[in-house]
Amino acid sequence: MCGKRRETVGGRAYRASVSKPPEEIRTERLVLRRIGEADLTAMIEVHGDPETNRHNPTGPAGPEEVREHLVAWQRDWARHGIGYWAIEVATTGEVVGFGGLRLFEFDGRPALNLYYRFRPSAWGRGYATEMARAAVDWAHGVRPEPVVIRTATTNAAAARVAERLGFPLTGTIVLDGAEAFVFTSRRS
C-alpha cells in the first residue's frame, strides 16, 4: 500500500511517498521487527553494555534513558511509519540487536538515519550489513529521503559496513562531542 503522507521534520513540513510500514522484514538469517514494550530488557542489556558503546562518546545508557529511547522509537513508528527494529536471529528468535531507519533533519533537509547496535556475541557474523542492506533496499524503493550513516571516526567496523553498502564518505561532523564520519547513500 503506497500513498502520500505529510511529514514534519525539524519543524518543516514536506510530502513523502510511503508504503505500508515495514513492521517486519525477513532476510536470509534475520527477522527485523517493530520494537515493543517486550523488548525493553534486551534494549537495556544492549544499550547499557560498555562494550557495545566503545565508540559512543556519551557511553552506555542507563535503564531510564533506554526507556526514553523505546518511547521515542515507538513514537517514530506512530508518526512517520518508520523506525528502528528489534533484530532477531530467524532460527532461534534471539534478539541480538536493534537498528533500522529513523527520520531526522540533516543539513537542513529530511534524511533517514541508519542505526544499529548488536550484542558483542553477534559481532563478526555480517548481521549489521545484512540488516542495513534490507533497510536501505526498502527505503530506496519507497522513501524520497537519502539514507545517512553517521559513525565515530574510530569505528572502523561501521565504516566497513557503509563501504559494503556502497555509501561514499561525504564528510565529517562533530556528533555528541566527537568527530564522526558521514556516509550518504547513492540513489539508484
Protein backbone atom coordinates (compact mmCIF):
# COMPACT_ATOMS: atom_id res chain seq x y z
CA MET A 1 0.00 0.00 0.00
CA CYS A 2 1.59 3.27 -1.10
CA GLY A 3 0.36 6.79 -0.58
CA LYS A 4 1.31 10.36 0.20
CA ARG A 5 1.94 11.39 3.77
CA ARG A 6 2.69 14.82 5.17
CA GLU A 7 5.85 14.58 7.28
CA THR A 8 7.22 17.14 9.72
CA VAL A 9 10.93 17.09 10.48
CA GLY A 10 12.74 19.83 12.35
CA GLY A 11 9.60 21.98 12.26
CA ARG A 12 9.40 21.83 8.47
CA ALA A 13 6.62 20.03 6.60
CA TYR A 14 7.04 18.13 3.35
CA ARG A 15 5.28 15.39 1.43
CA ALA A 16 6.69 11.90 1.20
CA SER A 17 5.59 8.83 -0.68
CA VAL A 18 5.50 5.96 1.74
CA SER A 19 4.50 2.34 1.67
CA LYS A 20 2.87 0.36 4.41
CA PRO A 21 5.31 0.48 7.34
CA PRO A 22 7.87 -2.32 7.28
CA GLU A 23 6.85 -3.65 10.68
CA GLU A 24 8.62 -6.89 9.83
CA ILE A 25 11.25 -7.66 7.22
CA ARG A 26 12.85 -11.08 6.86
CA THR A 27 16.34 -11.53 5.48
CA GLU A 28 18.23 -14.75 4.92
CA ARG A 29 19.16 -15.03 8.61
CA LEU A 30 17.34 -12.26 10.45
CA VAL A 31 13.88 -11.03 11.36
CA LEU A 32 13.67 -7.24 11.64
CA ARG A 33 10.51 -6.39 13.56
CA ARG A 34 8.92 -3.31 15.01
CA ILE A 35 10.05 -2.82 18.60
CA GLY A 36 7.65 -3.12 21.50
CA GLU A 37 7.48 -2.97 25.29
CA ALA A 38 8.58 -6.62 25.48
CA ASP A 39 11.96 -5.56 24.04
CA LEU A 40 12.86 -3.23 26.92
CA THR A 41 15.00 -5.75 28.83
CA ALA A 42 17.02 -6.64 25.71
CA MET A 43 17.38 -2.93 24.89
CA ILE A 44 18.76 -2.25 28.38
CA GLU A 45 21.22 -5.12 28.01
CA VAL A 46 22.45 -3.99 24.58
CA HIS A 47 22.50 -0.23 25.13
CA GLY A 48 23.83 -0.45 28.68
CA ASP A 49 26.77 -2.69 27.73
CA PRO A 50 30.10 -0.79 27.84
CA GLU A 51 31.44 -2.97 25.02
CA THR A 52 28.62 -2.01 22.63
CA ASN A 53 29.31 1.63 23.47
CA ARG A 54 33.04 1.54 22.82
CA HIS A 55 32.68 4.19 20.05
CA ASN A 56 29.81 6.10 21.66
CA PRO A 57 31.11 9.36 23.18
CA THR A 58 28.14 9.51 25.58
CA GLY A 59 28.83 6.00 26.91
CA PRO A 60 26.38 3.30 27.95
CA ALA A 61 22.76 4.26 28.56
CA GLY A 62 21.09 3.66 31.90
CA PRO A 63 17.70 1.92 32.17
CA GLU A 64 15.69 5.17 32.27
CA GLU A 65 17.48 6.56 29.21
CA VAL A 66 16.85 3.30 27.35
CA ARG A 67 13.15 3.50 28.26
CA GLU A 68 13.10 7.04 26.82
CA HIS A 69 14.68 5.67 23.62
CA LEU A 70 11.99 3.00 23.41
CA VAL A 71 9.22 5.58 23.79
CA ALA A 72 10.81 7.84 21.15
CA TRP A 73 11.30 4.94 18.74
CA GLN A 74 7.67 3.85 19.16
CA ARG A 75 6.61 7.46 18.56
CA ASP A 76 8.60 7.43 15.29
CA TRP A 77 6.60 4.42 14.11
CA ALA A 78 3.31 6.13 15.00
CA ARG A 79 4.19 9.48 13.42
CA HIS A 80 6.27 8.51 10.41
CA GLY A 81 5.50 4.86 9.71
CA ILE A 82 9.18 4.02 10.02
CA GLY A 83 11.56 3.35 12.86
CA TYR A 84 14.06 1.06 14.49
CA TRP A 85 13.52 -2.68 14.74
CA ALA A 86 14.41 -5.41 17.18
CA ILE A 87 16.76 -7.71 15.26
CA GLU A 88 16.25 -11.42 15.84
CA VAL A 89 18.11 -14.46 14.58
CA ALA A 90 15.47 -16.17 12.41
CA THR A 91 16.28 -19.71 13.53
CA THR A 92 16.29 -19.03 17.29
CA GLY A 93 14.22 -15.87 17.88
CA GLU A 94 17.07 -14.44 19.97
CA VAL A 95 17.16 -10.63 19.94
CA VAL A 96 20.77 -9.86 19.01
CA GLY A 97 20.44 -6.13 18.44
CA PHE A 98 18.45 -3.10 17.39
CA GLY A 99 18.60 -0.97 14.28
CA GLY A 100 16.87 0.41 11.26
CA LEU A 101 15.95 3.79 9.88
CA ARG A 102 14.79 6.93 11.66
CA LEU A 103 13.61 10.14 10.04
CA PHE A 104 15.68 13.15 11.12
CA GLU A 105 16.88 16.51 9.81
CA PHE A 106 20.38 16.59 8.37
CA ASP A 107 21.92 19.65 6.70
CA GLY A 108 18.53 21.34 6.84
CA ARG A 109 16.71 18.56 4.97
CA PRO A 110 14.89 15.36 5.88
CA ALA A 111 17.03 12.23 5.82
CA LEU A 112 16.92 8.69 7.16
CA ASN A 113 19.45 7.82 9.84
CA LEU A 114 20.71 4.24 9.53
CA TYR A 115 21.46 2.95 13.02
CA TYR A 116 22.35 -0.39 14.55
CA ARG A 117 23.77 -1.81 17.74
CA PHE A 118 24.38 -5.51 18.33
CA ARG A 119 25.30 -7.68 21.29
CA PRO A 120 29.05 -8.50 21.20
CA SER A 121 28.14 -12.19 20.77
CA ALA A 122 26.63 -11.24 17.38
CA TRP A 123 29.67 -9.31 16.11
CA GLY A 124 31.65 -10.58 13.13
CA ARG A 125 28.76 -12.51 11.59
CA GLY A 126 27.71 -9.97 8.96
CA TYR A 127 24.42 -9.17 10.70
CA ALA A 128 24.96 -5.39 10.54
CA THR A 129 25.49 -5.47 6.78
CA GLU A 130 22.55 -7.84 6.27
CA MET A 131 20.17 -5.66 8.33
CA ALA A 132 21.46 -2.44 6.79
CA ARG A 133 21.12 -3.74 3.23
CA ALA A 134 17.50 -4.77 3.87
CA ALA A 135 16.70 -1.37 5.41
CA VAL A 136 18.35 0.58 2.58
CA ASP A 137 16.73 -1.56 -0.13
CA TRP A 138 13.32 -0.91 1.41
CA ALA A 139 13.96 2.81 1.84
CA HIS A 140 15.24 3.34 -1.68
CA GLY A 141 12.10 1.68 -3.02
CA VAL A 142 9.57 3.82 -1.19
CA ARG A 143 11.13 6.85 0.54
CA PRO A 144 12.45 10.04 -1.09
CA GLU A 145 14.99 10.88 1.63
CA PRO A 146 18.67 9.96 1.42
CA VAL A 147 19.97 7.39 3.89
CA VAL A 148 22.79 8.67 6.11
CA ILE A 149 25.23 6.76 8.30
CA ARG A 150 27.00 8.78 10.99
CA THR A 151 29.68 6.92 12.89
CA ALA A 152 32.64 7.74 15.10
CA THR A 153 35.88 8.02 13.14
CA THR A 154 37.27 5.37 15.50
CA ASN A 155 34.63 2.82 14.45
CA ALA A 156 36.34 1.02 11.56
CA ALA A 157 33.75 -1.81 11.55
CA ALA A 158 30.86 0.62 10.95
CA ALA A 159 32.85 2.37 8.20
CA ARG A 160 33.34 -1.03 6.52
CA VAL A 161 29.58 -1.66 6.63
CA ALA A 162 28.98 1.70 4.93
CA GLU A 163 31.54 0.83 2.26
CA ARG A 164 29.97 -2.61 1.68
CA LEU A 165 26.65 -0.85 1.12
CA GLY A 166 28.27 1.42 -1.47
CA PHE A 167 27.84 4.58 0.60
CA PRO A 168 30.54 7.13 -0.20
CA LEU A 169 32.17 9.12 2.60
CA THR A 170 30.60 12.57 2.22
CA GLY A 171 32.11 14.43 5.15
CA THR A 172 32.86 14.64 8.83
CA ILE A 173 30.90 16.26 11.63
CA VAL A 174 31.08 16.62 15.39
CA LEU A 175 28.48 14.30 16.90
CA ASP A 176 27.96 14.20 20.67
CA GLY A 177 31.31 15.96 21.10
CA ALA A 178 33.37 13.58 18.95
CA GLU A 179 34.42 13.57 15.31
CA ALA A 180 32.23 11.35 13.13
CA PHE A 181 32.26 10.23 9.52
CA VAL A 182 29.19 10.83 7.38
CA PHE A 183 28.34 8.36 4.63
CA THR A 184 25.37 9.12 2.37
CA SER A 185 23.57 6.70 0.08
CA ARG A 186 23.60 6.98 -3.66
CA ARG A 187 20.10 6.65 -5.05
CA SER A 188 19.75 4.01 -7.75
